[in-house]
């Protein structure tokens, strides 16, 4: 039991350290040696958990973006919002506001926000994952079904919404293009509403 806790601690230190270095220096300029030195673990320990620095990057992107959606869902539960479009926009708005506060995280996730929802292939290799009841994915599919919303493929619609948010907000937050994010949000939310409601 103690050994298991110690191993989990090493793994967590590697993830935390890799994220710090990736956001400070960039992935290209970060070596595995730097990660293990700062995490204070042996290089062999790194390879017990991760194939290479790109795998640890992918796992971190999936975990960080998944946490953004999880936190947004927790906030949604504190509000009485029943309309599916309003729920989705609330969640998206929460995620965007968090990314505005954390530009380093935004740059790290880059345009891969959808990995927080469609991460199973990334994380399945790494850990035992099961679809959680309180995921954005489940909320969306359940909302479409309960409200009899006529979407040809709800999964694809959700994927397109998240990809749209990911790519456009990245540019809007970091470069104010095509508009600063606060001016851009109404256009984005109107588009999302049309995609859901038709």
N, C-alpha and C. Protein backbone atom coordinates (compact mmCIF):
# COMPACT_ATOMS: atom_id res chain seq x y z
N UNK A 1 0.82 -1.21 0.00
CA UNK A 1 0.00 0.00 0.00
C UNK A 1 0.86 1.26 0.00
N UNK A 2 1.89 1.29 0.89
CA UNK A 2 2.79 2.45 0.97
C UNK A 2 3.53 2.65 -0.34
N UNK A 3 3.97 1.52 -0.93
CA UNK A 3 4.71 1.57 -2.20
C UNK A 3 3.83 2.15 -3.31
N UNK A 4 2.55 1.75 -3.30
CA UNK A 4 1.59 2.24 -4.29
C UNK A 4 1.41 3.76 -4.17
N UNK A 5 1.30 4.25 -2.95
CA UNK A 5 1.16 5.69 -2.72
C UNK A 5 2.40 6.43 -3.18
N UNK A 6 3.57 5.86 -2.88
CA UNK A 6 4.85 6.46 -3.30
C UNK A 6 4.94 6.54 -4.83
N UNK A 7 4.52 5.45 -5.50
CA UNK A 7 4.55 5.42 -6.96
C UNK A 7 3.60 6.47 -7.55
N UNK A 8 2.39 6.58 -6.97
CA UNK A 8 1.41 7.59 -7.43
C UNK A 8 1.96 8.99 -7.24
N UNK A 9 2.70 9.20 -6.15
CA UNK A 9 3.30 10.49 -5.86
C UNK A 9 4.34 10.85 -6.93
N UNK A 10 5.15 9.87 -7.32
CA UNK A 10 6.16 10.10 -8.37
C UNK A 10 5.49 10.45 -9.70
N UNK A 11 4.45 9.71 -10.01
CA UNK A 11 3.71 9.94 -11.24
C UNK A 11 3.10 11.36 -11.24
N UNK A 12 2.50 11.74 -10.13
CA UNK A 12 1.90 13.08 -10.01
C UNK A 12 2.96 14.16 -10.12
N UNK A 13 4.12 13.94 -9.52
CA UNK A 13 5.23 14.91 -9.61
C UNK A 13 5.71 15.06 -11.05
N UNK A 14 5.78 13.94 -11.76
CA UNK A 14 6.19 14.00 -13.18
C UNK A 14 5.19 14.82 -14.00
N UNK A 15 3.90 14.59 -13.78
CA UNK A 15 2.86 15.33 -14.51
C UNK A 15 2.92 16.82 -14.18
N UNK A 16 3.03 17.14 -12.89
CA UNK A 16 3.08 18.55 -12.47
C UNK A 16 4.31 19.24 -13.03
N UNK A 17 5.44 18.58 -12.92
CA UNK A 17 6.71 19.16 -13.39
C UNK A 17 6.71 19.34 -14.91
N UNK A 18 6.22 18.33 -15.61
CA UNK A 18 6.17 18.43 -17.08
C UNK A 18 5.30 19.62 -17.49
N UNK A 19 4.16 19.77 -16.84
CA UNK A 19 3.27 20.90 -17.15
C UNK A 19 3.98 22.24 -16.90
N UNK A 20 4.66 22.35 -15.78
CA UNK A 20 5.39 23.59 -15.46
C UNK A 20 6.43 23.89 -16.54
N UNK A 21 7.22 22.89 -16.90
CA UNK A 21 8.27 23.10 -17.89
C UNK A 21 7.71 23.37 -19.28
N UNK A 22 6.66 22.63 -19.66
CA UNK A 22 6.05 22.84 -20.97
C UNK A 22 5.50 24.26 -21.10
N UNK A 23 4.89 24.76 -20.02
CA UNK A 23 4.31 26.11 -20.09
C UNK A 23 5.38 27.19 -19.96
N UNK A 24 6.48 26.88 -19.29
CA UNK A 24 7.59 27.85 -19.16
C UNK A 24 8.44 27.91 -20.43
N UNK A 25 8.84 26.74 -20.94
CA UNK A 25 9.83 26.66 -22.02
C UNK A 25 9.28 26.21 -23.36
N UNK A 26 8.13 25.56 -23.33
CA UNK A 26 7.61 24.94 -24.55
C UNK A 26 8.00 23.47 -24.57
N UNK A 27 7.25 22.69 -25.30
CA UNK A 27 7.48 21.25 -25.34
C UNK A 27 8.78 20.92 -26.05
N UNK A 28 9.01 21.60 -27.16
CA UNK A 28 10.20 21.34 -27.97
C UNK A 28 11.49 21.55 -27.17
N UNK A 29 11.49 22.60 -26.33
CA UNK A 29 12.71 22.95 -25.59
C UNK A 29 12.80 22.31 -24.21
N UNK A 30 11.90 21.39 -23.91
CA UNK A 30 11.93 20.68 -22.64
C UNK A 30 12.39 19.25 -22.88
N UNK A 31 13.40 18.83 -22.15
CA UNK A 31 13.88 17.45 -22.29
C UNK A 31 13.33 16.59 -21.16
N UNK A 32 13.32 15.29 -21.40
CA UNK A 32 12.89 14.34 -20.37
C UNK A 32 13.83 14.46 -19.17
N UNK A 33 15.11 14.67 -19.43
CA UNK A 33 16.08 14.81 -18.33
C UNK A 33 15.71 15.98 -17.42
N UNK A 34 15.30 17.09 -18.01
CA UNK A 34 14.89 18.26 -17.21
C UNK A 34 13.66 17.93 -16.35
N UNK A 35 12.72 17.19 -16.95
CA UNK A 35 11.50 16.82 -16.22
C UNK A 35 11.86 15.97 -15.01
N UNK A 36 12.67 14.93 -15.22
CA UNK A 36 13.00 14.03 -14.10
C UNK A 36 13.87 14.72 -13.05
N UNK A 37 14.79 15.59 -13.50
CA UNK A 37 15.63 16.32 -12.55
C UNK A 37 14.78 17.19 -11.63
N UNK A 38 13.87 17.96 -12.23
CA UNK A 38 13.03 18.86 -11.43
C UNK A 38 12.04 18.08 -10.57
N UNK A 39 11.55 16.96 -11.08
CA UNK A 39 10.60 16.13 -10.31
C UNK A 39 11.31 15.30 -9.25
N UNK A 40 12.63 15.25 -9.35
CA UNK A 40 13.46 14.50 -8.40
C UNK A 40 13.14 13.00 -8.42
N UNK A 41 13.07 12.47 -9.65
CA UNK A 41 12.90 11.02 -9.83
C UNK A 41 13.93 10.52 -10.85
N UNK A 42 14.15 9.23 -10.84
CA UNK A 42 15.09 8.63 -11.79
C UNK A 42 14.49 8.63 -13.20
N UNK A 43 15.37 8.69 -14.19
CA UNK A 43 14.89 8.71 -15.58
C UNK A 43 14.09 7.45 -15.91
N UNK A 44 14.52 6.32 -15.36
CA UNK A 44 13.80 5.06 -15.59
C UNK A 44 12.36 5.11 -15.09
N UNK A 45 12.15 5.88 -14.02
CA UNK A 45 10.80 6.04 -13.46
C UNK A 45 9.88 6.71 -14.47
N UNK A 46 10.42 7.68 -15.20
CA UNK A 46 9.62 8.36 -16.22
C UNK A 46 9.05 7.33 -17.19
N UNK A 47 9.91 6.41 -17.64
CA UNK A 47 9.49 5.44 -18.65
C UNK A 47 8.58 4.34 -18.10
N UNK A 48 8.45 4.25 -16.78
CA UNK A 48 7.46 3.33 -16.22
C UNK A 48 6.04 3.82 -16.51
N UNK A 49 5.90 5.16 -16.62
CA UNK A 49 4.58 5.77 -16.79
C UNK A 49 4.32 6.29 -18.20
N UNK A 50 5.37 6.78 -18.85
CA UNK A 50 5.17 7.48 -20.12
C UNK A 50 6.17 6.99 -21.16
N UNK A 51 5.69 6.92 -22.39
CA UNK A 51 6.52 6.47 -23.51
C UNK A 51 7.56 7.54 -23.86
N UNK A 52 7.09 8.80 -23.92
CA UNK A 52 7.97 9.92 -24.27
C UNK A 52 7.32 11.22 -23.81
N UNK A 53 7.95 12.34 -24.08
CA UNK A 53 7.40 13.62 -23.60
C UNK A 53 6.12 14.00 -24.35
N UNK A 54 5.93 13.47 -25.54
CA UNK A 54 4.71 13.79 -26.30
C UNK A 54 3.50 13.05 -25.71
N UNK A 55 3.73 11.86 -25.18
CA UNK A 55 2.63 11.16 -24.52
C UNK A 55 2.23 11.89 -23.23
N UNK A 56 3.21 12.34 -22.46
CA UNK A 56 2.88 13.07 -21.23
C UNK A 56 2.17 14.38 -21.58
N UNK A 57 2.58 15.02 -22.69
CA UNK A 57 1.89 16.24 -23.15
C UNK A 57 0.43 15.94 -23.47
N UNK A 58 0.18 14.87 -24.22
CA UNK A 58 -1.19 14.51 -24.61
C UNK A 58 -2.06 14.20 -23.39
N UNK A 59 -1.49 13.50 -22.44
CA UNK A 59 -2.22 13.17 -21.21
C UNK A 59 -2.54 14.44 -20.45
N UNK A 60 -1.58 15.35 -20.37
CA UNK A 60 -1.80 16.62 -19.66
C UNK A 60 -2.88 17.47 -20.34
N UNK A 61 -2.84 17.54 -21.67
CA UNK A 61 -3.86 18.31 -22.39
C UNK A 61 -5.24 17.73 -22.11
N UNK A 62 -5.36 16.40 -22.19
CA UNK A 62 -6.65 15.76 -21.94
C UNK A 62 -7.11 16.01 -20.50
N UNK A 63 -6.21 15.86 -19.54
CA UNK A 63 -6.57 16.05 -18.12
C UNK A 63 -6.92 17.50 -17.82
N UNK A 64 -6.14 18.45 -18.33
CA UNK A 64 -6.38 19.87 -18.05
C UNK A 64 -7.69 20.34 -18.69
N UNK A 65 -7.93 19.93 -19.92
CA UNK A 65 -9.17 20.36 -20.58
C UNK A 65 -10.38 19.65 -19.98
N UNK A 66 -10.21 18.39 -19.56
CA UNK A 66 -11.30 17.68 -18.89
C UNK A 66 -11.66 18.39 -17.58
N UNK A 67 -10.66 18.85 -16.86
CA UNK A 67 -10.91 19.57 -15.59
C UNK A 67 -11.67 20.87 -15.82
N UNK A 68 -11.37 21.57 -16.91
CA UNK A 68 -12.10 22.80 -17.24
C UNK A 68 -13.60 22.51 -17.38
N UNK A 69 -13.93 21.43 -18.09
CA UNK A 69 -15.34 21.08 -18.29
C UNK A 69 -15.97 20.58 -16.99
N UNK A 70 -15.21 19.83 -16.21
CA UNK A 70 -15.73 19.32 -14.93
C UNK A 70 -16.06 20.48 -13.99
N UNK A 71 -15.16 21.44 -13.89
CA UNK A 71 -15.40 22.62 -13.04
C UNK A 71 -16.61 23.42 -13.53
N UNK A 72 -16.75 23.54 -14.85
CA UNK A 72 -17.89 24.27 -15.42
C UNK A 72 -19.20 23.56 -15.11
N UNK A 73 -19.19 22.23 -15.17
CA UNK A 73 -20.39 21.45 -14.83
C UNK A 73 -20.77 21.63 -13.37
N UNK A 74 -19.77 21.68 -12.49
CA UNK A 74 -20.04 21.90 -11.07
C UNK A 74 -20.70 23.27 -10.85
N UNK A 75 -20.23 24.27 -11.59
CA UNK A 75 -20.84 25.60 -11.49
C UNK A 75 -22.26 25.60 -12.05
N UNK A 76 -22.46 24.86 -13.13
CA UNK A 76 -23.79 24.76 -13.74
C UNK A 76 -24.80 24.20 -12.73
N UNK A 77 -24.38 23.20 -11.95
CA UNK A 77 -25.26 22.57 -10.97
C UNK A 77 -25.73 23.55 -9.89
N UNK A 78 -24.98 24.61 -9.69
CA UNK A 78 -25.35 25.61 -8.66
C UNK A 78 -26.39 26.60 -9.20
N UNK A 79 -26.68 26.51 -10.48
CA UNK A 79 -27.64 27.41 -11.12
C UNK A 79 -28.82 26.59 -11.65
N UNK A 80 -29.98 27.23 -11.69
CA UNK A 80 -31.16 26.53 -12.21
C UNK A 80 -31.32 26.88 -13.69
N UNK A 81 -30.69 26.08 -14.54
CA UNK A 81 -30.77 26.29 -15.98
C UNK A 81 -31.27 24.98 -16.58
N UNK A 82 -32.41 25.02 -17.24
CA UNK A 82 -33.00 23.78 -17.78
C UNK A 82 -32.88 23.67 -19.29
N UNK A 83 -32.80 24.80 -19.99
CA UNK A 83 -32.70 24.78 -21.45
C UNK A 83 -31.33 24.28 -21.87
N UNK A 84 -31.28 23.30 -22.77
CA UNK A 84 -30.01 22.69 -23.18
C UNK A 84 -29.05 23.72 -23.78
N UNK A 85 -29.53 24.57 -24.68
CA UNK A 85 -28.66 25.58 -25.29
C UNK A 85 -28.06 26.49 -24.23
N UNK A 86 -28.90 26.89 -23.26
CA UNK A 86 -28.42 27.75 -22.18
C UNK A 86 -27.39 27.03 -21.32
N UNK A 87 -27.60 25.74 -21.09
CA UNK A 87 -26.65 24.95 -20.31
C UNK A 87 -25.30 24.87 -21.03
N UNK A 88 -25.34 24.56 -22.32
CA UNK A 88 -24.11 24.44 -23.11
C UNK A 88 -23.37 25.78 -23.13
N UNK A 89 -24.10 26.86 -23.35
CA UNK A 89 -23.48 28.20 -23.41
C UNK A 89 -22.92 28.58 -22.04
N UNK A 90 -23.62 28.23 -20.97
CA UNK A 90 -23.10 28.49 -19.62
C UNK A 90 -21.75 27.79 -19.43
N UNK A 91 -21.69 26.52 -19.80
CA UNK A 91 -20.46 25.73 -19.66
C UNK A 91 -19.34 26.32 -20.51
N UNK A 92 -19.64 26.61 -21.77
CA UNK A 92 -18.64 27.17 -22.68
C UNK A 92 -18.14 28.51 -22.14
N UNK A 93 -19.05 29.34 -21.68
CA UNK A 93 -18.67 30.65 -21.14
C UNK A 93 -17.74 30.50 -19.93
N UNK A 94 -18.06 29.53 -19.07
CA UNK A 94 -17.22 29.29 -17.90
C UNK A 94 -15.81 28.85 -18.34
N UNK A 95 -15.74 27.94 -19.28
CA UNK A 95 -14.45 27.45 -19.78
C UNK A 95 -13.65 28.60 -20.39
N UNK A 96 -14.30 29.41 -21.23
CA UNK A 96 -13.62 30.54 -21.86
C UNK A 96 -13.08 31.50 -20.80
N UNK A 97 -13.90 31.81 -19.80
CA UNK A 97 -13.46 32.74 -18.75
C UNK A 97 -12.27 32.21 -17.98
N UNK A 98 -12.23 30.90 -17.76
CA UNK A 98 -11.06 30.29 -17.09
C UNK A 98 -9.82 30.41 -17.96
N UNK A 99 -9.98 30.19 -19.26
CA UNK A 99 -8.84 30.28 -20.19
C UNK A 99 -8.33 31.71 -20.31
N UNK A 100 -9.23 32.68 -20.22
CA UNK A 100 -8.82 34.09 -20.25
C UNK A 100 -7.90 34.37 -19.06
N UNK A 101 -8.24 33.78 -17.89
CA UNK A 101 -7.45 34.00 -16.68
C UNK A 101 -6.11 33.27 -16.73
N UNK A 102 -6.02 32.23 -17.57
CA UNK A 102 -4.82 31.39 -17.60
C UNK A 102 -4.26 31.25 -19.02
N UNK A 103 -3.66 32.33 -19.55
CA UNK A 103 -3.16 32.25 -20.93
C UNK A 103 -2.12 31.15 -21.15
N UNK A 104 -1.34 30.83 -20.11
CA UNK A 104 -0.34 29.75 -20.26
C UNK A 104 -1.04 28.42 -20.51
N UNK A 105 -2.15 28.19 -19.80
CA UNK A 105 -2.93 26.97 -20.01
C UNK A 105 -3.56 26.97 -21.40
N UNK A 106 -4.08 28.11 -21.82
CA UNK A 106 -4.68 28.23 -23.16
C UNK A 106 -3.65 27.90 -24.23
N UNK A 107 -2.45 28.45 -24.10
CA UNK A 107 -1.40 28.17 -25.10
C UNK A 107 -1.01 26.71 -25.08
N UNK A 108 -0.96 26.12 -23.87
CA UNK A 108 -0.59 24.71 -23.75
C UNK A 108 -1.64 23.81 -24.39
N UNK A 109 -2.90 24.03 -24.04
CA UNK A 109 -3.98 23.22 -24.64
C UNK A 109 -4.06 23.50 -26.13
N UNK A 110 -3.67 24.72 -26.49
CA UNK A 110 -3.72 25.18 -27.87
C UNK A 110 -5.14 25.04 -28.39
N UNK A 111 -5.32 24.34 -29.46
CA UNK A 111 -6.67 24.22 -30.03
C UNK A 111 -7.22 22.82 -29.81
N UNK A 112 -6.81 22.18 -28.71
CA UNK A 112 -7.19 20.80 -28.44
C UNK A 112 -8.16 20.66 -27.28
N UNK A 113 -9.03 21.63 -27.12
CA UNK A 113 -9.99 21.63 -26.02
C UNK A 113 -10.91 20.41 -26.05
N UNK A 114 -11.21 19.91 -27.22
CA UNK A 114 -12.12 18.77 -27.34
C UNK A 114 -11.55 17.50 -26.70
N UNK A 115 -10.23 17.49 -26.44
CA UNK A 115 -9.64 16.32 -25.79
C UNK A 115 -10.20 16.14 -24.38
N UNK A 116 -10.74 17.21 -23.81
CA UNK A 116 -11.34 17.11 -22.48
C UNK A 116 -12.64 16.33 -22.48
N UNK A 117 -13.22 16.16 -23.66
CA UNK A 117 -14.47 15.41 -23.79
C UNK A 117 -14.22 14.11 -24.55
N UNK A 118 -13.45 14.21 -25.61
CA UNK A 118 -13.17 13.04 -26.45
C UNK A 118 -11.75 12.57 -26.18
N UNK A 119 -11.47 12.19 -24.95
CA UNK A 119 -10.12 11.86 -24.54
C UNK A 119 -9.89 10.37 -24.35
N UNK A 120 -10.90 9.57 -24.58
CA UNK A 120 -10.81 8.16 -24.20
C UNK A 120 -9.61 7.45 -24.83
N UNK A 121 -9.32 7.72 -26.08
CA UNK A 121 -8.18 7.02 -26.70
C UNK A 121 -6.86 7.47 -26.10
N UNK A 122 -6.80 8.73 -25.68
CA UNK A 122 -5.56 9.24 -25.10
C UNK A 122 -5.37 8.65 -23.70
N UNK A 123 -6.42 8.71 -22.89
CA UNK A 123 -6.29 8.29 -21.50
C UNK A 123 -6.46 6.78 -21.29
N UNK A 124 -7.11 6.09 -22.24
CA UNK A 124 -7.34 4.65 -22.08
C UNK A 124 -6.01 3.91 -21.98
N UNK A 125 -5.06 4.34 -22.77
CA UNK A 125 -3.74 3.71 -22.76
C UNK A 125 -3.08 3.95 -21.40
N UNK A 126 -3.36 5.11 -20.85
CA UNK A 126 -2.67 5.56 -19.64
C UNK A 126 -3.35 5.13 -18.35
N UNK A 127 -4.66 5.12 -18.32
CA UNK A 127 -5.36 4.77 -17.08
C UNK A 127 -6.71 4.15 -17.40
N UNK A 128 -7.29 3.50 -16.42
CA UNK A 128 -8.63 2.94 -16.58
C UNK A 128 -9.63 4.09 -16.54
N UNK A 129 -10.28 4.36 -17.65
CA UNK A 129 -11.27 5.44 -17.66
C UNK A 129 -12.63 4.87 -18.00
N UNK A 130 -13.61 5.45 -17.39
CA UNK A 130 -14.98 5.07 -17.74
C UNK A 130 -15.74 6.37 -17.95
N UNK A 131 -16.73 6.32 -18.81
CA UNK A 131 -17.51 7.53 -19.10
C UNK A 131 -18.24 7.94 -17.83
N UNK A 132 -17.97 9.15 -17.37
CA UNK A 132 -18.57 9.62 -16.12
C UNK A 132 -19.98 10.14 -16.39
N UNK A 133 -20.85 9.94 -15.41
CA UNK A 133 -22.24 10.38 -15.53
C UNK A 133 -22.34 11.90 -15.64
N UNK A 134 -21.40 12.61 -15.00
CA UNK A 134 -21.50 14.06 -14.95
C UNK A 134 -20.63 14.75 -16.02
N UNK A 135 -20.42 14.08 -17.12
CA UNK A 135 -19.59 14.69 -18.16
C UNK A 135 -20.43 15.57 -19.08
N UNK A 136 -19.75 16.49 -19.74
CA UNK A 136 -20.39 17.36 -20.74
C UNK A 136 -21.03 16.49 -21.83
N UNK A 137 -20.34 15.44 -22.21
CA UNK A 137 -20.81 14.52 -23.24
C UNK A 137 -22.17 13.93 -22.85
N UNK A 138 -22.26 13.40 -21.61
CA UNK A 138 -23.52 12.81 -21.13
C UNK A 138 -24.61 13.86 -21.02
N UNK A 139 -24.27 15.03 -20.49
CA UNK A 139 -25.24 16.12 -20.35
C UNK A 139 -25.85 16.47 -21.71
N UNK A 140 -25.01 16.57 -22.72
CA UNK A 140 -25.47 16.97 -24.05
C UNK A 140 -26.38 15.90 -24.65
N UNK A 141 -25.92 14.65 -24.64
CA UNK A 141 -26.72 13.58 -25.24
C UNK A 141 -28.06 13.40 -24.52
N UNK A 142 -28.03 13.49 -23.18
CA UNK A 142 -29.26 13.37 -22.39
C UNK A 142 -30.20 14.53 -22.69
N UNK A 143 -29.65 15.74 -22.80
CA UNK A 143 -30.46 16.93 -23.10
C UNK A 143 -31.12 16.86 -24.47
N UNK A 144 -30.39 16.37 -25.45
CA UNK A 144 -30.94 16.21 -26.81
C UNK A 144 -32.11 15.23 -26.78
N UNK A 145 -31.90 14.11 -26.08
CA UNK A 145 -32.95 13.08 -26.01
C UNK A 145 -34.18 13.57 -25.24
N UNK A 146 -33.96 14.13 -24.06
CA UNK A 146 -35.08 14.56 -23.20
C UNK A 146 -35.90 15.70 -23.82
N UNK A 147 -35.23 16.55 -24.59
CA UNK A 147 -35.93 17.69 -25.20
C UNK A 147 -36.38 17.43 -26.63
N UNK A 148 -36.21 16.17 -27.08
CA UNK A 148 -36.58 15.79 -28.45
C UNK A 148 -36.01 16.74 -29.50
N UNK A 149 -34.75 17.07 -29.33
CA UNK A 149 -34.08 17.96 -30.29
C UNK A 149 -33.67 17.11 -31.48
N UNK A 150 -34.03 17.58 -32.65
CA UNK A 150 -33.80 16.82 -33.87
C UNK A 150 -32.40 17.11 -34.42
N UNK A 151 -31.42 16.38 -33.92
CA UNK A 151 -30.05 16.48 -34.45
C UNK A 151 -29.72 15.16 -35.13
N UNK A 152 -29.20 15.24 -36.34
CA UNK A 152 -28.88 14.03 -37.10
C UNK A 152 -27.88 13.17 -36.32
N UNK A 153 -26.84 13.82 -35.76
CA UNK A 153 -25.83 13.10 -34.99
C UNK A 153 -25.37 13.99 -33.84
N UNK A 154 -25.98 13.84 -32.65
CA UNK A 154 -25.65 14.70 -31.51
C UNK A 154 -24.17 14.69 -31.14
N UNK A 155 -23.53 13.52 -31.23
CA UNK A 155 -22.10 13.43 -30.90
C UNK A 155 -21.27 14.32 -31.81
N UNK A 156 -21.57 14.29 -33.09
CA UNK A 156 -20.83 15.10 -34.05
C UNK A 156 -21.11 16.58 -33.81
N UNK A 157 -22.37 16.91 -33.51
CA UNK A 157 -22.73 18.31 -33.23
C UNK A 157 -21.93 18.84 -32.04
N UNK A 158 -21.86 18.06 -30.97
CA UNK A 158 -21.10 18.48 -29.79
C UNK A 158 -19.62 18.65 -30.14
N UNK A 159 -19.08 17.71 -30.88
CA UNK A 159 -17.67 17.78 -31.29
C UNK A 159 -17.41 19.06 -32.08
N UNK A 160 -18.30 19.38 -33.02
CA UNK A 160 -18.14 20.59 -33.84
C UNK A 160 -18.22 21.84 -32.97
N UNK A 161 -19.13 21.84 -32.00
CA UNK A 161 -19.27 23.00 -31.10
C UNK A 161 -17.96 23.22 -30.33
N UNK A 162 -17.43 22.15 -29.74
CA UNK A 162 -16.21 22.29 -28.93
C UNK A 162 -15.02 22.68 -29.81
N UNK A 163 -14.92 22.10 -30.99
CA UNK A 163 -13.83 22.46 -31.90
C UNK A 163 -13.94 23.92 -32.34
N UNK A 164 -15.16 24.38 -32.59
CA UNK A 164 -15.41 25.77 -32.96
C UNK A 164 -14.95 26.70 -31.83
N UNK A 165 -15.36 26.38 -30.62
CA UNK A 165 -14.96 27.18 -29.45
C UNK A 165 -13.45 27.17 -29.30
N UNK A 166 -12.87 26.00 -29.39
CA UNK A 166 -11.42 25.84 -29.19
C UNK A 166 -10.61 26.67 -30.16
N UNK A 167 -10.91 26.57 -31.43
CA UNK A 167 -10.09 27.27 -32.43
C UNK A 167 -10.36 28.77 -32.47
N UNK A 168 -11.62 29.17 -32.38
CA UNK A 168 -11.92 30.60 -32.50
C UNK A 168 -11.53 31.36 -31.23
N UNK A 169 -11.74 30.76 -30.07
CA UNK A 169 -11.43 31.47 -28.82
C UNK A 169 -9.93 31.59 -28.61
N UNK A 170 -9.18 30.61 -29.04
CA UNK A 170 -7.72 30.67 -28.96
C UNK A 170 -7.22 31.95 -29.64
N UNK A 171 -7.68 32.17 -30.86
CA UNK A 171 -7.28 33.34 -31.64
C UNK A 171 -7.85 34.62 -31.06
N UNK A 172 -9.09 34.56 -30.63
CA UNK A 172 -9.75 35.76 -30.09
C UNK A 172 -9.12 36.20 -28.76
N UNK A 173 -8.83 35.25 -27.87
CA UNK A 173 -8.24 35.59 -26.57
C UNK A 173 -6.80 36.07 -26.74
N UNK A 174 -6.01 35.35 -27.50
CA UNK A 174 -4.58 35.68 -27.59
C UNK A 174 -4.26 36.80 -28.57
N UNK A 175 -5.07 36.95 -29.62
CA UNK A 175 -4.72 37.91 -30.68
C UNK A 175 -5.82 38.93 -30.98
N UNK A 176 -6.93 38.86 -30.24
CA UNK A 176 -8.07 39.77 -30.46
C UNK A 176 -8.60 39.71 -31.89
N UNK A 177 -8.51 38.55 -32.51
CA UNK A 177 -8.99 38.40 -33.89
C UNK A 177 -10.00 37.28 -33.98
N UNK A 178 -11.07 37.41 -34.73
CA UNK A 178 -11.46 38.59 -35.50
C UNK A 178 -11.91 39.76 -34.63
N UNK A 179 -12.21 39.46 -33.33
CA UNK A 179 -12.63 40.48 -32.37
C UNK A 179 -12.06 40.11 -31.00
N UNK A 180 -11.95 41.07 -30.09
CA UNK A 180 -11.62 40.71 -28.71
C UNK A 180 -12.69 39.75 -28.18
N UNK A 181 -12.31 38.89 -27.25
CA UNK A 181 -13.19 37.80 -26.83
C UNK A 181 -14.57 38.26 -26.34
N UNK A 182 -14.64 39.35 -25.58
CA UNK A 182 -15.94 39.80 -25.08
C UNK A 182 -16.87 40.27 -26.21
N UNK A 183 -16.30 40.82 -27.27
CA UNK A 183 -17.10 41.21 -28.45
C UNK A 183 -17.44 39.99 -29.31
N UNK A 184 -16.58 38.99 -29.25
CA UNK A 184 -16.76 37.80 -30.07
C UNK A 184 -17.81 36.84 -29.50
N UNK A 185 -17.89 36.78 -28.17
CA UNK A 185 -18.78 35.82 -27.51
C UNK A 185 -20.22 35.82 -28.04
N UNK A 186 -20.88 36.97 -28.20
CA UNK A 186 -22.28 36.93 -28.67
C UNK A 186 -22.44 36.22 -30.02
N UNK A 187 -21.48 36.43 -30.94
CA UNK A 187 -21.54 35.76 -32.25
C UNK A 187 -21.37 34.25 -32.07
N UNK A 188 -20.43 33.88 -31.22
CA UNK A 188 -20.16 32.46 -30.97
C UNK A 188 -21.39 31.79 -30.36
N UNK A 189 -21.98 32.42 -29.35
CA UNK A 189 -23.11 31.83 -28.65
C UNK A 189 -24.35 31.74 -29.53
N UNK A 190 -24.52 32.72 -30.39
CA UNK A 190 -25.64 32.67 -31.35
C UNK A 190 -25.48 31.49 -32.30
N UNK A 191 -24.25 31.27 -32.75
CA UNK A 191 -23.95 30.14 -33.65
C UNK A 191 -24.20 28.82 -32.95
N UNK A 192 -23.75 28.69 -31.70
CA UNK A 192 -23.96 27.47 -30.93
C UNK A 192 -25.46 27.20 -30.75
N UNK A 193 -26.20 28.25 -30.42
CA UNK A 193 -27.65 28.10 -30.22
C UNK A 193 -28.31 27.58 -31.52
N UNK A 194 -27.91 28.13 -32.65
CA UNK A 194 -28.47 27.70 -33.95
C UNK A 194 -28.12 26.26 -34.24
N UNK A 195 -26.91 25.85 -33.88
CA UNK A 195 -26.47 24.46 -34.12
C UNK A 195 -27.31 23.48 -33.32
N UNK A 196 -27.70 23.89 -32.11
CA UNK A 196 -28.48 23.00 -31.25
C UNK A 196 -29.97 23.06 -31.58
N UNK A 197 -30.48 24.27 -31.75
CA UNK A 197 -31.92 24.44 -31.92
C UNK A 197 -32.38 24.41 -33.36
N UNK A 198 -31.44 24.55 -34.28
CA UNK A 198 -31.78 24.51 -35.70
C UNK A 198 -32.24 25.84 -36.24
